[in-house]
């Protein structure tokens, strides 16, 4: 029921490379979280560029993985059946079946961590954007003459606030 070891070697090698790239993406996501918290936009831009390069590499590896899977379909005479990583276990040589199962479990765990990290970063960025929009609104709100520091055209108001501003209130 299983193919030769040579049939699986290219695919397993590609999967290992994909795993490494995903680990690097997780590390970048962790770095991004710290940079977002510190509000360091320059460093965030650098990390996003590095992430983009990693994603391009991952896309290239995925194309190669699909080709390797197609070749495996042919060598195992499974052209009409869809084949995912968990299906490969039963067709693999006995000495590689455990390695494939471990790889499958690692992928599932790593991708879940990456998803959580990206969702966390997304929430942090959305919160940051909302706070920035609030600050801009407070600085430019024409309906509140006491706290309006700028005119509609962006120029500085002639007179300062008549009373204590929003940020000068004691709570």
Protein backbone atom coordinates (compact mmCIF):
# COMPACT_ATOMS: atom_id res chain seq x y z
CA UNK A 1 0.00 0.00 0.00
CA UNK A 2 2.95 2.37 0.33
CA UNK A 3 5.31 3.81 -2.27
CA UNK A 4 9.06 3.91 -2.19
CA UNK A 5 10.96 6.16 0.18
CA UNK A 6 12.19 8.22 -2.77
CA UNK A 7 8.60 9.13 -3.62
CA UNK A 8 8.11 10.87 -0.28
CA UNK A 9 11.51 12.50 0.20
CA UNK A 10 10.90 15.62 -1.96
CA UNK A 11 7.52 16.22 -0.36
CA UNK A 12 8.81 15.78 3.18
CA UNK A 13 11.72 18.10 2.44
CA UNK A 14 9.34 20.79 1.14
CA UNK A 15 7.06 20.37 4.15
CA UNK A 16 10.03 20.81 6.46
CA UNK A 17 11.00 24.02 4.62
CA UNK A 18 7.42 25.28 4.89
CA UNK A 19 7.45 24.52 8.61
CA UNK A 20 10.60 26.61 9.03
CA UNK A 21 9.12 29.56 7.14
CA UNK A 22 5.96 29.37 9.27
CA UNK A 23 8.13 29.39 12.41
CA UNK A 24 9.84 32.52 11.13
CA UNK A 25 6.43 34.09 10.45
CA UNK A 26 5.36 33.32 14.01
CA UNK A 27 8.53 34.93 15.33
CA UNK A 28 7.86 38.00 13.17
CA UNK A 29 4.26 38.16 14.45
CA UNK A 30 5.57 38.15 18.03
CA UNK A 31 8.02 40.94 17.17
CA UNK A 32 5.22 42.88 15.49
CA UNK A 33 3.08 42.68 18.62
CA UNK A 34 5.84 44.29 20.69
CA UNK A 35 6.44 46.98 18.06
CA UNK A 36 2.71 47.75 17.80
CA UNK A 37 2.50 48.13 21.59
CA UNK A 38 5.49 50.51 21.50
CA UNK A 39 3.87 52.34 18.56
CA UNK A 40 7.12 52.19 16.55
CA UNK A 41 5.78 52.65 13.02
CA UNK A 42 9.23 52.60 11.36
CA UNK A 43 10.16 49.26 12.91
CA UNK A 44 6.67 47.90 12.08
CA UNK A 45 7.20 48.84 8.43
CA UNK A 46 10.50 46.92 8.43
CA UNK A 47 8.86 43.87 9.99
CA UNK A 48 5.99 43.97 7.49
CA UNK A 49 8.51 44.00 4.62
CA UNK A 50 10.29 40.99 6.14
CA UNK A 51 6.94 39.27 6.57
CA UNK A 52 6.06 39.95 2.94
CA UNK A 53 9.33 38.33 1.81
CA UNK A 54 8.59 35.28 4.00
CA UNK A 55 5.08 35.01 2.54
CA UNK A 56 6.49 35.10 -1.00
CA UNK A 57 8.89 32.31 -0.07
CA UNK A 58 6.02 30.34 1.46
CA UNK A 59 3.94 30.76 -1.72
CA UNK A 60 6.84 29.48 -3.83
CA UNK A 61 7.27 26.47 -1.54
CA UNK A 62 3.53 25.79 -1.70
CA UNK A 63 3.64 25.67 -5.51
CA UNK A 64 6.53 23.20 -5.29
CA UNK A 65 4.63 21.18 -2.66
CA UNK A 66 1.61 20.95 -4.95
CA UNK A 67 3.87 19.69 -7.75
CA UNK A 68 5.47 17.13 -5.42
CA UNK A 69 2.01 15.99 -4.30
CA UNK A 70 0.91 15.64 -7.92
CA UNK A 71 4.02 13.54 -8.66
CA UNK A 72 3.23 11.41 -5.62
CA UNK A 73 -0.32 10.93 -6.90
CA UNK A 74 1.11 9.59 -10.14
CA UNK A 75 3.69 7.31 -8.53
CA UNK A 76 1.07 5.87 -6.16
CA UNK A 77 -1.51 5.64 -8.96
CA UNK A 78 -3.97 7.89 -7.08
CA UNK A 79 -4.75 10.40 -9.84
CA UNK A 80 -8.50 10.50 -9.18
CA UNK A 81 -8.33 10.85 -5.40
CA UNK A 82 -7.65 14.07 -3.54
CA UNK A 83 -4.70 13.62 -1.25
CA UNK A 84 -3.98 15.69 1.85
CA UNK A 85 -1.15 15.29 4.32
CA UNK A 86 -3.20 13.09 6.69
CA UNK A 87 -4.03 10.78 3.76
CA UNK A 88 -0.34 10.35 2.97
CA UNK A 89 0.34 8.53 6.22
CA UNK A 90 -1.22 5.27 5.06
CA UNK A 91 0.68 5.36 1.74
CA UNK A 92 4.06 6.21 3.26
CA UNK A 93 6.73 3.66 4.06
CA UNK A 94 6.31 2.36 7.62
CA UNK A 95 9.53 4.06 8.76
CA UNK A 96 8.17 7.49 7.64
CA UNK A 97 4.59 7.19 8.87
CA UNK A 98 5.38 8.45 12.37
CA UNK A 99 7.46 11.34 10.94
CA UNK A 100 4.53 12.44 8.77
CA UNK A 101 2.10 12.25 11.72
CA UNK A 102 4.45 14.33 13.88
CA UNK A 103 4.81 16.84 11.05
CA UNK A 104 1.04 17.03 10.65
CA UNK A 105 0.58 17.67 14.39
CA UNK A 106 3.33 20.32 14.40
CA UNK A 107 1.76 22.08 11.41
CA UNK A 108 -1.66 22.16 13.08
CA UNK A 109 -0.22 23.57 16.30
CA UNK A 110 2.03 26.11 14.56
CA UNK A 111 -0.71 27.38 12.26
CA UNK A 112 -3.08 27.81 15.21
CA UNK A 113 -0.43 29.84 17.07
CA UNK A 114 0.20 31.93 13.95
CA UNK A 115 -3.52 32.56 13.52
CA UNK A 116 -3.84 33.64 17.17
CA UNK A 117 -0.80 35.93 16.92
CA UNK A 118 -2.12 37.56 13.75
CA UNK A 119 -5.58 38.05 15.28
CA UNK A 120 -4.01 39.62 18.35
CA UNK A 121 -1.94 41.99 16.20
CA UNK A 122 -5.01 42.85 14.16
CA UNK A 123 -6.91 43.80 17.32
CA UNK A 124 -3.99 45.89 18.58
CA UNK A 125 -3.76 47.73 15.26
CA UNK A 126 -7.52 48.36 15.14
CA UNK A 127 -7.43 49.74 18.68
CA UNK A 128 -4.45 51.94 17.80
CA UNK A 129 -6.26 53.31 14.73
CA UNK A 130 -9.41 54.01 16.74
CA UNK A 131 -7.41 55.89 19.39
CA UNK A 132 -5.62 57.93 16.73
CA UNK A 133 -8.94 58.79 15.08
CA UNK A 134 -10.34 59.85 18.46
CA UNK A 135 -7.34 62.09 19.10
CA UNK A 136 -7.69 63.68 15.66
CA UNK A 137 -11.38 64.22 16.24
CA UNK A 138 -10.72 65.86 19.60
CA UNK A 139 -8.11 68.16 18.05
CA UNK A 140 -10.25 69.18 15.07
CA UNK A 141 -13.85 69.06 16.34
CA UNK A 142 -15.45 72.34 15.20
CA UNK A 143 -18.56 71.84 17.33
CA UNK A 144 -16.71 72.21 20.65
CA UNK A 145 -15.13 75.68 20.75
CA UNK A 146 -13.57 75.02 24.15
CA UNK A 147 -11.43 72.16 22.88
CA UNK A 148 -11.00 73.14 19.25
CA UNK A 149 -7.32 73.77 18.56
CA UNK A 150 -7.52 73.92 14.75
CA UNK A 151 -9.74 75.47 12.10
CA UNK A 152 -11.49 73.54 9.33
CA UNK A 153 -8.64 74.30 6.92
CA UNK A 154 -6.08 72.88 9.37
CA UNK A 155 -4.64 76.19 10.48
CA UNK A 156 -4.19 76.90 14.16
CA UNK A 157 -7.14 78.57 15.87
CA UNK A 158 -6.57 82.26 16.70
CA UNK A 159 -7.68 81.96 20.27
CA UNK A 160 -6.77 79.19 22.64
CA UNK A 161 -9.39 77.21 24.49
CA UNK A 162 -11.54 79.35 26.80
CA UNK A 163 -11.35 76.87 29.68
CA UNK A 164 -9.53 73.76 30.73
CA UNK A 165 -9.30 71.29 27.86
CA UNK A 166 -10.45 67.70 27.92
CA UNK A 167 -7.00 66.53 28.93
CA UNK A 168 -6.74 69.04 31.79
CA UNK A 169 -9.80 67.77 33.66
CA UNK A 170 -9.23 65.97 36.93
CA UNK A 171 -10.87 62.61 37.19
